[in-house]
Amino acid sequence: MTYQHAEAMKRHAGKVLGAVADAAKQAGVPCDTVQIEHDHPYEAIIQTASDKDCDAIVMASHGRSGISAVLLGSVTNKVLTHTAIPVVVVH
């Protein structure tokens, strides 16, 4: 990955996290955002949830099925199979 691509990804993630934090604030919901770089995103998700004593992890399912689900893998599936923390999957 090029430096420019990595920086663009960081900026995009920051914008998305900012929008989530703003929406949570408007709804009166506490929200703590974290942006972490890691070779294995599922490990970063699990470690962050553990470090913050989260009661649950909420993740999206993109609804892939068939061979694409098998070939592409799934961060959600890896979180589900590698953590003892309850995981809520939203489809």
Protein backbone atom coordinates (compact mmCIF):
# COMPACT_ATOMS: atom_id res chain seq x y z
CA MET A 1 0.00 0.00 0.00
CA THR A 2 1.32 3.40 -0.91
CA TYR A 3 1.74 6.19 1.60
CA GLN A 4 -0.87 8.29 -0.23
CA HIS A 5 -3.40 5.44 -0.16
CA ALA A 6 -2.81 4.83 3.55
CA GLU A 7 -3.28 8.52 4.32
CA ALA A 8 -6.47 8.66 2.25
CA MET A 9 -7.82 5.64 4.14
CA LYS A 10 -7.03 7.32 7.48
CA ARG A 11 -8.82 10.51 6.42
CA HIS A 12 -11.86 8.57 5.22
CA ALA A 13 -12.01 6.54 8.46
CA GLY A 14 -11.75 9.76 10.46
CA LYS A 15 -14.69 11.27 8.55
CA VAL A 16 -16.82 8.16 9.05
CA LEU A 17 -15.98 7.98 12.76
CA GLY A 18 -16.72 11.70 13.13
CA ALA A 19 -20.13 11.26 11.52
CA VAL A 20 -20.91 8.33 13.83
CA ALA A 21 -19.83 10.32 16.90
CA ASP A 22 -21.98 13.29 15.79
CA ALA A 23 -25.04 11.07 15.24
CA ALA A 24 -24.56 9.43 18.64
CA LYS A 25 -24.23 12.82 20.33
CA GLN A 26 -27.41 14.09 18.68
CA ALA A 27 -29.21 10.94 19.86
CA GLY A 28 -27.87 11.35 23.40
CA VAL A 29 -25.91 8.10 23.17
CA PRO A 30 -22.40 7.88 24.64
CA CYS A 31 -19.85 7.11 21.93
CA ASP A 32 -16.11 6.53 22.05
CA THR A 33 -14.42 6.15 18.66
CA VAL A 34 -11.07 4.43 18.10
CA GLN A 35 -9.01 4.28 14.91
CA ILE A 36 -6.34 1.58 14.87
CA GLU A 37 -4.07 0.22 12.14
CA HIS A 38 -3.54 -3.54 12.33
CA ASP A 39 -2.64 -6.32 9.90
CA HIS A 40 -5.57 -8.38 11.24
CA PRO A 41 -8.63 -6.16 11.82
CA TYR A 42 -10.50 -8.84 13.77
CA GLU A 43 -7.68 -8.97 16.32
CA ALA A 44 -7.77 -5.18 16.75
CA ILE A 45 -11.56 -5.28 17.23
CA ILE A 46 -11.35 -8.02 19.85
CA GLN A 47 -8.42 -6.41 21.68
CA THR A 48 -10.09 -2.99 21.74
CA ALA A 49 -13.36 -4.46 23.04
CA SER A 50 -11.43 -6.31 25.73
CA ASP A 51 -9.33 -3.24 26.69
CA LYS A 52 -12.48 -1.14 27.03
CA ASP A 53 -14.40 -3.82 28.98
CA CYS A 54 -17.18 -3.89 26.38
CA ASP A 55 -20.25 -5.98 27.15
CA ALA A 56 -20.74 -6.78 23.46
CA ILE A 57 -19.36 -6.18 19.98
CA VAL A 58 -21.82 -5.04 17.29
CA MET A 59 -20.87 -5.72 13.69
CA ALA A 60 -22.48 -5.68 10.26
CA SER A 61 -23.00 -8.60 7.94
CA HIS A 62 -22.80 -7.68 4.27
CA GLY A 63 -24.91 -10.68 3.33
CA ARG A 64 -22.49 -12.32 0.96
CA SER A 65 -23.37 -15.88 0.18
CA GLY A 66 -22.08 -18.81 -1.79
CA ILE A 67 -18.51 -18.97 -3.01
CA SER A 68 -17.85 -15.22 -2.57
CA ALA A 69 -18.44 -15.54 1.18
CA VAL A 70 -15.98 -18.42 1.36
CA LEU A 71 -13.29 -16.83 -0.82
CA LEU A 72 -13.49 -13.31 0.55
CA GLY A 73 -13.54 -14.32 4.20
CA SER A 74 -15.22 -12.20 6.80
CA VAL A 75 -13.92 -10.02 9.59
CA THR A 76 -17.26 -10.53 11.31
CA ASN A 77 -16.89 -14.30 11.11
CA LYS A 78 -13.35 -14.12 12.50
CA VAL A 79 -14.52 -11.96 15.41
CA LEU A 80 -17.37 -14.39 16.07
CA THR A 81 -15.02 -17.37 16.18
CA HIS A 82 -12.14 -15.79 18.11
CA THR A 83 -13.75 -13.94 21.03
CA ALA A 84 -15.59 -14.83 24.20
CA ILE A 85 -17.30 -11.40 24.17
CA PRO A 86 -20.89 -11.62 22.86
CA VAL A 87 -21.19 -10.45 19.24
CA VAL A 88 -24.35 -8.94 17.75
CA VAL A 89 -24.43 -9.22 13.95
CA VAL A 90 -26.70 -6.77 12.14
CA HIS A 91 -27.79 -7.65 8.61
